[in-house]
PDB file of N, CA and C in Angstrom:
ATOM      1  N   MET A   1      11.072 -31.262  14.508  1.00  0.00           N
ATOM      2  CA  MET A   1      11.565 -30.891  15.747  1.00  0.00           C
ATOM      3  C   MET A   1      11.673 -29.514  16.655  1.00  0.00           C
ATOM      4  N   LYS A   2      11.002 -29.858  17.900  1.00  0.00           N
ATOM      5  CA  LYS A   2      10.332 -28.629  18.502  1.00  0.00           C
ATOM      6  C   LYS A   2      11.525 -27.758  19.013  1.00  0.00           C
ATOM      7  N   LYS A   3      11.274 -26.505  19.124  1.00  0.00           N
ATOM      8  CA  LYS A   3      12.331 -25.733  19.498  1.00  0.00           C
ATOM      9  C   LYS A   3      11.718 -24.931  20.633  1.00  0.00           C
ATOM     10  N   LYS A   4      12.130 -24.948  21.547  1.00  0.00           N
ATOM     11  CA  LYS A   4      12.260 -23.925  23.318  1.00  0.00           C
ATOM     12  C   LYS A   4      11.940 -22.797  22.885  1.00  0.00           C
ATOM     13  N   LEU A   5      11.043 -22.010  23.157  1.00  0.00           N
ATOM     14  CA  LEU A   5      11.218 -20.041  23.123  1.00  0.00           C
ATOM     15  C   LEU A   5      11.880 -19.926  24.492  1.00  0.00           C
ATOM     16  N   SER A   6      13.058 -18.805  24.263  1.00  0.00           N
ATOM     17  CA  SER A   6      13.516 -18.543  25.209  1.00  0.00           C
ATOM     18  C   SER A   6      12.331 -17.288  25.943  1.00  0.00           C
ATOM     19  N   ARG A   7      12.827 -16.784  27.443  1.00  0.00           N
ATOM     20  CA  ARG A   7      12.249 -16.062  27.907  1.00  0.00           C
ATOM     21  C   ARG A   7      11.821 -14.610  27.191  1.00  0.00           C
ATOM     22  N   ALA A   8      12.690 -14.150  26.579  1.00  0.00           N
ATOM     23  CA  ALA A   8      12.667 -12.959  25.692  1.00  0.00           C
ATOM     24  C   ALA A   8      11.547 -12.851  25.033  1.00  0.00           C
ATOM     25  N   ASP A   9      11.282 -14.016  24.163  1.00  0.00           N
ATOM     26  CA  ASP A   9      10.876 -14.072  22.654  1.00  0.00           C
ATOM     27  C   ASP A   9       9.312 -14.651  23.344  1.00  0.00           C
ATOM     28  N   ARG A  10       9.256 -15.435  24.006  1.00  0.00           N
ATOM     29  CA  ARG A  10       8.048 -15.570  24.725  1.00  0.00           C
ATOM     30  C   ARG A  10       7.548 -14.043  25.202  1.00  0.00           C
ATOM     31  N   LYS A  11       8.039 -12.935  25.861  1.00  0.00           N
ATOM     32  CA  LYS A  11       7.796 -11.989  26.261  1.00  0.00           C
ATOM     33  C   LYS A  11       7.046 -11.005  24.993  1.00  0.00           C
ATOM     34  N   GLN A  12       8.053 -11.055  23.786  1.00  0.00           N
ATOM     35  CA  GLN A  12       7.952 -10.321  22.560  1.00  0.00           C
ATOM     36  C   GLN A  12       6.323 -10.689  22.232  1.00  0.00           C
ATOM     37  N   ILE A  13       5.973 -11.958  21.939  1.00  0.00           N
ATOM     38  CA  ILE A  13       5.023 -12.661  21.517  1.00  0.00           C
ATOM     39  C   ILE A  13       3.796 -11.957  22.361  1.00  0.00           C
ATOM     40  N   GLU A  14       3.751 -12.107  23.614  1.00  0.00           N
ATOM     41  CA  GLU A  14       2.769 -11.721  24.729  1.00  0.00           C
ATOM     42  C   GLU A  14       2.663 -10.228  24.132  1.00  0.00           C
ATOM     43  N   ALA A  15       3.555  -9.629  23.966  1.00  0.00           N
ATOM     44  CA  ALA A  15       3.044  -7.920  24.048  1.00  0.00           C
ATOM     45  C   ALA A  15       2.552  -7.540  22.552  1.00  0.00           C
ATOM     46  N   ALA A  16       3.143  -8.683  21.361  1.00  0.00           N
ATOM     47  CA  ALA A  16       2.507  -8.406  20.196  1.00  0.00           C
ATOM     48  C   ALA A  16       1.360  -9.060  20.119  1.00  0.00           C
ATOM     49  N   ILE A  17       0.767  -9.772  20.951  1.00  0.00           N
ATOM     50  CA  ILE A  17      -0.696 -10.144  20.879  1.00  0.00           C
ATOM     51  C   ILE A  17      -1.924  -9.426  21.829  1.00  0.00           C
ATOM     52  N   SER A  18      -0.982  -8.662  22.884  1.00  0.00           N
ATOM     53  CA  SER A  18      -1.943  -7.736  23.897  1.00  0.00           C
ATOM     54  C   SER A  18      -2.352  -6.297  22.919  1.00  0.00           C
ATOM     55  N   ARG A  19      -1.099  -5.970  21.775  1.00  0.00           N
ATOM     56  CA  ARG A  19      -1.534  -5.230  20.935  1.00  0.00           C
ATOM     57  C   ARG A  19      -2.940  -5.349  20.155  1.00  0.00           C
ATOM     58  N   ALA A  20      -2.343  -6.390  19.637  1.00  0.00           N
ATOM     59  CA  ALA A  20      -3.173  -6.992  18.887  1.00  0.00           C
ATOM     60  C   ALA A  20      -4.761  -6.955  19.072  1.00  0.00           C
ATOM     61  N   SER A  21      -4.786  -7.285  20.102  1.00  0.00           N
ATOM     62  CA  SER A  21      -5.987  -7.807  20.724  1.00  0.00           C
ATOM     63  C   SER A  21      -6.739  -6.396  21.726  1.00  0.00           C
ATOM     64  N   ARG A  22      -6.310  -5.307  21.437  1.00  0.00           N
ATOM     65  CA  ARG A  22      -6.929  -4.055  22.225  1.00  0.00           C
ATOM     66  C   ARG A  22      -7.680  -3.886  21.363  1.00  0.00           C
ATOM     67  N   THR A  23      -9.206  -3.448  22.193  1.00  0.00           N
ATOM     68  CA  THR A  23     -10.206  -3.161  21.143  1.00  0.00           C
ATOM     69  C   THR A  23     -10.381  -1.657  21.556  1.00  0.00           C
ATOM     70  N   ASP A  24      -9.730  -0.981  22.396  1.00  0.00           N
ATOM     71  CA  ASP A  24      -9.964   0.501  22.446  1.00  0.00           C
ATOM     72  C   ASP A  24      -9.235   1.460  21.432  1.00  0.00           C
ATOM     73  N   GLN A  25      -8.768   0.711  20.442  1.00  0.00           N
ATOM     74  CA  GLN A  25      -8.482   1.279  19.126  1.00  0.00           C
ATOM     75  C   GLN A  25      -8.931   1.606  18.062  1.00  0.00           C
ATOM     76  N   LYS A  26      -8.916   2.940  17.732  1.00  0.00           N
ATOM     77  CA  LYS A  26     -10.091   3.129  16.296  1.00  0.00           C
ATOM     78  C   LYS A  26      -9.426   1.973  15.033  1.00  0.00           C
ATOM     79  N   GLY A  27     -10.228   1.118  14.140  1.00  0.00           N
ATOM     80  CA  GLY A  27      -9.931   0.714  13.204  1.00  0.00           C
ATOM     81  C   GLY A  27      -9.041   1.527  12.212  1.00  0.00           C
ATOM     82  N   ILE A  28      -8.033   0.339  11.563  1.00  0.00           N
ATOM     83  CA  ILE A  28      -7.236   1.231  10.483  1.00  0.00           C
ATOM     84  C   ILE A  28      -7.823   1.139   9.098  1.00  0.00           C
ATOM     85  N   SER A  29      -7.641   1.911   8.245  1.00  0.00           N
ATOM     86  CA  SER A  29      -8.168   1.581   6.741  1.00  0.00           C
ATOM     87  C   SER A  29      -7.361   1.182   6.013  1.00  0.00           C
ATOM     88  N   ALA A  30      -7.440   0.872   5.183  1.00  0.00           N
ATOM     89  CA  ALA A  30      -6.278   0.369   4.319  1.00  0.00           C
ATOM     90  C   ALA A  30      -5.606   1.484   3.364  1.00  0.00           C
ATOM     91  N   GLN A  31      -6.046   2.881   3.610  1.00  0.00           N
ATOM     92  CA  GLN A  31      -5.802   3.993   3.220  1.00  0.00           C
ATOM     93  C   GLN A  31      -4.677   4.551   3.988  1.00  0.00           C
ATOM     94  N   ASP A  32      -5.039   4.597   5.387  1.00  0.00           N
ATOM     95  CA  ASP A  32      -4.326   4.458   6.544  1.00  0.00           C
ATOM     96  C   ASP A  32      -2.936   3.547   6.348  1.00  0.00           C
ATOM     97  N   SER A  33      -3.292   2.528   5.787  1.00  0.00           N
ATOM     98  CA  SER A  33      -1.710   1.818   6.151  1.00  0.00           C
ATOM     99  C   SER A  33      -1.055   2.102   4.848  1.00  0.00           C
ATOM    100  N   ILE A  34      -0.861   2.712   3.833  1.00  0.00           N
ATOM    101  CA  ILE A  34      -0.393   3.294   2.713  1.00  0.00           C
ATOM    102  C   ILE A  34       0.703   4.636   3.333  1.00  0.00           C
ATOM    103  N   PRO A  35       2.008   4.105   3.395  1.00  0.00           N
ATOM    104  CA  PRO A  35       2.640   5.473   4.152  1.00  0.00           C
ATOM    105  C   PRO A  35       3.301   6.281   2.891  1.00  0.00           C
ATOM    106  N   TYR A  36       2.779   7.379   2.880  1.00  0.00           N
ATOM    107  CA  TYR A  36       3.305   8.584   1.927  1.00  0.00           C
ATOM    108  C   TYR A  36       2.729  10.267   2.623  1.00  0.00           C
ATOM    109  N   GLU A  37       3.799  10.932   1.844  1.00  0.00           N
ATOM    110  CA  GLU A  37       3.665  12.228   2.558  1.00  0.00           C
ATOM    111  C   GLU A  37       2.876  13.059   2.345  1.00  0.00           C
ATOM    112  N   ARG A  38       2.936  12.990   0.319  1.00  0.00           N
ATOM    113  CA  ARG A  38       1.852  14.073   0.010  1.00  0.00           C
ATOM    114  C   ARG A  38       1.930  13.218  -1.156  1.00  0.00           C
ATOM    115  N   MET A  39       0.369  13.543  -1.723  1.00  0.00           N
ATOM    116  CA  MET A  39       0.138  13.332  -2.957  1.00  0.00           C
ATOM    117  C   MET A  39      -0.848  14.430  -3.666  1.00  0.00           C
ATOM    118  N   TRP A  40      -0.126  14.546  -5.020  1.00  0.00           N
ATOM    119  CA  TRP A  40      -0.521  15.976  -6.024  1.00  0.00           C
ATOM    120  C   TRP A  40      -1.829  15.226  -6.782  1.00  0.00           C
ATOM    121  N   PRO A  41      -2.724  16.362  -7.231  1.00  0.00           N
ATOM    122  CA  PRO A  41      -3.384  16.238  -8.248  1.00  0.00           C
ATOM    123  C   PRO A  41      -2.727  15.240  -9.387  1.00  0.00           C
ATOM    124  N   ASP A  42      -1.856  15.603 -10.223  1.00  0.00           N
ATOM    125  CA  ASP A  42      -1.550  15.055 -11.173  1.00  0.00           C
ATOM    126  C   ASP A  42      -0.684  13.096 -10.869  1.00  0.00           C
ATOM    127  N   GLY A  43      -1.061  12.596 -10.209  1.00  0.00           N
ATOM    128  CA  GLY A  43      -0.352  11.337  -9.633  1.00  0.00           C
ATOM    129  C   GLY A  43       0.866  11.326  -8.732  1.00  0.00           C
ATOM    130  N   ILE A  44       1.518  12.799  -9.061  1.00  0.00           N
ATOM    131  CA  ILE A  44       3.034  11.941  -8.289  1.00  0.00           C
ATOM    132  C   ILE A  44       2.528  12.507  -6.675  1.00  0.00           C
ATOM    133  N   CYS A  45       3.248  11.009  -6.336  1.00  0.00           N
ATOM    134  CA  CYS A  45       3.351  10.744  -4.526  1.00  0.00           C
ATOM    135  C   CYS A  45       4.962  11.120  -4.576  1.00  0.00           C
ATOM    136  N   ARG A  46       4.896  11.803  -3.307  1.00  0.00           N
ATOM    137  CA  ARG A  46       6.211  11.620  -2.484  1.00  0.00           C
ATOM    138  C   ARG A  46       6.081  11.066  -0.791  1.00  0.00           C
ATOM    139  N   VAL A  47       6.691   9.780  -1.235  1.00  0.00           N
ATOM    140  CA  VAL A  47       7.056   8.462  -0.672  1.00  0.00           C
ATOM    141  C   VAL A  47       7.787   8.998   0.679  1.00  0.00           C
ATOM    142  N   THR A  48       8.706   9.290   0.240  1.00  0.00           N
ATOM    143  CA  THR A  48      10.034   9.809   1.352  1.00  0.00           C
ATOM    144  C   THR A  48      10.124  11.368   1.248  1.00  0.00           C
ATOM    145  N   GLY A  49      11.292  11.914   1.794  1.00  0.00           N
ATOM    146  CA  GLY A  49      11.828  12.662   1.786  1.00  0.00           C
ATOM    147  C   GLY A  49      12.699  13.480  -0.324  1.00  0.00           C
ATOM    148  N   CYS A  50      13.033  12.221  -0.486  1.00  0.00           N
ATOM    149  CA  CYS A  50      13.821  11.771  -1.816  1.00  0.00           C
ATOM    150  C   CYS A  50      12.918  10.942  -2.493  1.00  0.00           C
ATOM    151  N   TYR A  51      11.968  10.084  -2.149  1.00  0.00           N
ATOM    152  CA  TYR A  51      11.416   9.485  -2.995  1.00  0.00           C
ATOM    153  C   TYR A  51      10.370   9.469  -3.556  1.00  0.00           C
ATOM    154  N   TYR A  52       9.817   9.540  -5.340  1.00  0.00           N
ATOM    155  CA  TYR A  52       8.816   9.930  -5.511  1.00  0.00           C
ATOM    156  C   TYR A  52       8.272   8.807  -6.265  1.00  0.00           C
ATOM    157  N   THR A  53       7.024   8.451  -6.352  1.00  0.00           N
ATOM    158  CA  THR A  53       6.229   7.589  -7.290  1.00  0.00           C
ATOM    159  C   THR A  53       5.188   8.496  -8.485  1.00  0.00           C
ATOM    160  N   LYS A  54       4.585   7.755  -9.079  1.00  0.00           N
ATOM    161  CA  LYS A  54       3.758   8.412 -10.081  1.00  0.00           C
ATOM    162  C   LYS A  54       2.597   6.899  -9.912  1.00  0.00           C
ATOM    163  N   THR A  55       1.272   7.335  -9.685  1.00  0.00           N
ATOM    164  CA  THR A  55       0.272   6.795 -10.487  1.00  0.00           C
ATOM    165  C   THR A  55      -0.522   7.242 -11.731  1.00  0.00           C
ATOM    166  N   ILE A  56      -1.277   6.253 -12.449  1.00  0.00           N
ATOM    167  CA  ILE A  56      -1.725   6.018 -13.525  1.00  0.00           C
ATOM    168  C   ILE A  56      -3.254   5.674 -13.639  1.00  0.00           C
ATOM    169  N   GLN A  57      -4.159   6.770 -13.977  1.00  0.00           N
ATOM    170  CA  GLN A  57      -5.570   6.242 -14.157  1.00  0.00           C
ATOM    171  C   GLN A  57      -5.988   5.900 -15.325  1.00  0.00           C
ATOM    172  N   PHE A  58      -6.398   4.447 -15.070  1.00  0.00           N
ATOM    173  CA  PHE A  58      -6.624   4.580 -16.691  1.00  0.00           C
ATOM    174  C   PHE A  58      -9.061   4.437 -16.549  1.00  0.00           C
ATOM    175  N   GLN A  59      -9.094   4.396 -17.958  1.00  0.00           N
ATOM    176  CA  GLN A  59      -9.861   4.727 -17.991  1.00  0.00           C
ATOM    177  C   GLN A  59     -10.883   3.424 -18.197  1.00  0.00           C
ATOM    178  N   ASP A  60     -11.943   2.957 -17.863  1.00  0.00           N
ATOM    179  CA  ASP A  60     -12.575   1.163 -18.185  1.00  0.00           C
ATOM    180  C   ASP A  60     -13.184   1.779 -19.342  1.00  0.00           C
ATOM    181  N   ILE A  61     -11.975   0.469 -20.309  1.00  0.00           N
ATOM    182  CA  ILE A  61     -12.403   0.749 -21.922  1.00  0.00           C
ATOM    183  C   ILE A  61     -12.139  -0.814 -22.409  1.00  0.00           C
ATOM    184  N   ASN A  62     -12.633  -0.886 -23.585  1.00  0.00           N
ATOM    185  CA  ASN A  62     -12.119  -2.527 -24.031  1.00  0.00           C
ATOM    186  C   ASN A  62     -11.111  -2.374 -25.067  1.00  0.00           C
ATOM    187  N   TYR A  63     -10.147  -2.724 -24.653  1.00  0.00           N
ATOM    188  CA  TYR A  63      -8.758  -2.482 -25.407  1.00  0.00           C
ATOM    189  C   TYR A  63      -8.960  -3.124 -26.731  1.00  0.00           C
ATOM    190  N   GLN A  64      -9.556  -4.319 -26.999  1.00  0.00           N
ATOM    191  CA  GLN A  64      -9.451  -5.631 -27.835  1.00  0.00           C
ATOM    192  C   GLN A  64     -10.490  -4.448 -29.330  1.00  0.00           C
ATOM    193  N   LEU A  65     -11.490  -3.551 -28.911  1.00  0.00           N
ATOM    194  CA  LEU A  65     -12.330  -3.350 -29.341  1.00  0.00           C
ATOM    195  C   LEU A  65     -12.127  -1.701 -29.892  1.00  0.00           C
ATOM    196  N   SER A  66     -10.816  -1.434 -29.303  1.00  0.00           N
ATOM    197  CA  SER A  66     -10.298   0.048 -29.441  1.00  0.00           C
ATOM    198  C   SER A  66      -9.648   0.246 -30.963  1.00  0.00           C
ATOM    199  N   GLN A  67      -9.856   1.591 -31.393  1.00  0.00           N
ATOM    200  CA  GLN A  67      -8.592   1.744 -32.755  1.00  0.00           C
ATOM    201  C   GLN A  67      -7.286   1.921 -32.243  1.00  0.00           C
ATOM    202  N   ASN A  68      -6.442   1.559 -33.744  1.00  0.00           N
ATOM    203  CA  ASN A  68      -4.894   1.221 -33.257  1.00  0.00           C
ATOM    204  C   ASN A  68      -4.543   2.566 -32.792  1.00  0.00           C
ATOM    205  N   GLU A  69      -5.171   3.846 -33.156  1.00  0.00           N
ATOM    206  CA  GLU A  69      -4.266   5.377 -32.306  1.00  0.00           C
ATOM    207  C   GLU A  69      -5.061   5.017 -31.030  1.00  0.00           C
ATOM    208  N   ASP A  70      -5.953   4.382 -30.499  1.00  0.00           N
ATOM    209  CA  ASP A  70      -6.616   4.780 -29.426  1.00  0.00           C
ATOM    210  C   ASP A  70      -5.636   4.209 -28.346  1.00  0.00           C
ATOM    211  N   LYS A  71      -5.199   2.382 -28.927  1.00  0.00           N
ATOM    212  CA  LYS A  71      -4.544   1.890 -28.330  1.00  0.00           C
ATOM    213  C   LYS A  71      -2.502   2.143 -28.067  1.00  0.00           C
ATOM    214  N   THR A  72      -2.275   3.037 -29.020  1.00  0.00           N
ATOM    215  CA  THR A  72      -1.103   3.376 -28.726  1.00  0.00           C
ATOM    216  C   THR A  72      -1.116   5.280 -27.899  1.00  0.00           C
ATOM    217  N   ALA A  73      -2.222   5.849 -27.859  1.00  0.00           N
ATOM    218  CA  ALA A  73      -2.530   6.757 -27.093  1.00  0.00           C
ATOM    219  C   ALA A  73      -2.603   6.475 -25.660  1.00  0.00           C
ATOM    220  N   ILE A  74      -3.195   5.135 -25.300  1.00  0.00           N
ATOM    221  CA  ILE A  74      -3.435   4.710 -24.071  1.00  0.00           C
ATOM    222  C   ILE A  74      -2.025   4.758 -22.878  1.00  0.00           C
ATOM    223  N   PHE A  75      -1.011   4.185 -23.691  1.00  0.00           N
ATOM    224  CA  PHE A  75       0.373   3.704 -23.521  1.00  0.00           C
ATOM    225  C   PHE A  75       1.588   4.845 -23.294  1.00  0.00           C
ATOM    226  N   GLU A  76       1.173   6.143 -24.022  1.00  0.00           N
ATOM    227  CA  GLU A  76       1.978   7.194 -24.754  1.00  0.00           C
ATOM    228  C   GLU A  76       1.751   8.171 -23.305  1.00  0.00           C
ATOM    229  N   GLY A  77       2.398   9.132 -23.190  1.00  0.00           N
ATOM    230  CA  GLY A  77       2.420  10.394 -22.450  1.00  0.00           C
ATOM    231  C   GLY A  77       1.996   9.979 -21.125  1.00  0.00           C
TER     232      GLY A  77
END
């Protein structure tokens, strides 16, 4: 069953299409689309004034061929 759009809905859709089709804007990169306030070298990231997150960097290893000590060290610390 089709539903008719209201005049306000049509205006919103037309405005969104108009914004999306502008060619005078600089292209946005993936990095620009991730909102955060600050990133520290140790991986701590301040997303908002009181919300923080931490990133972890893994080395390219073959987990199945690693020694048991190395396997536990990967997920500690």
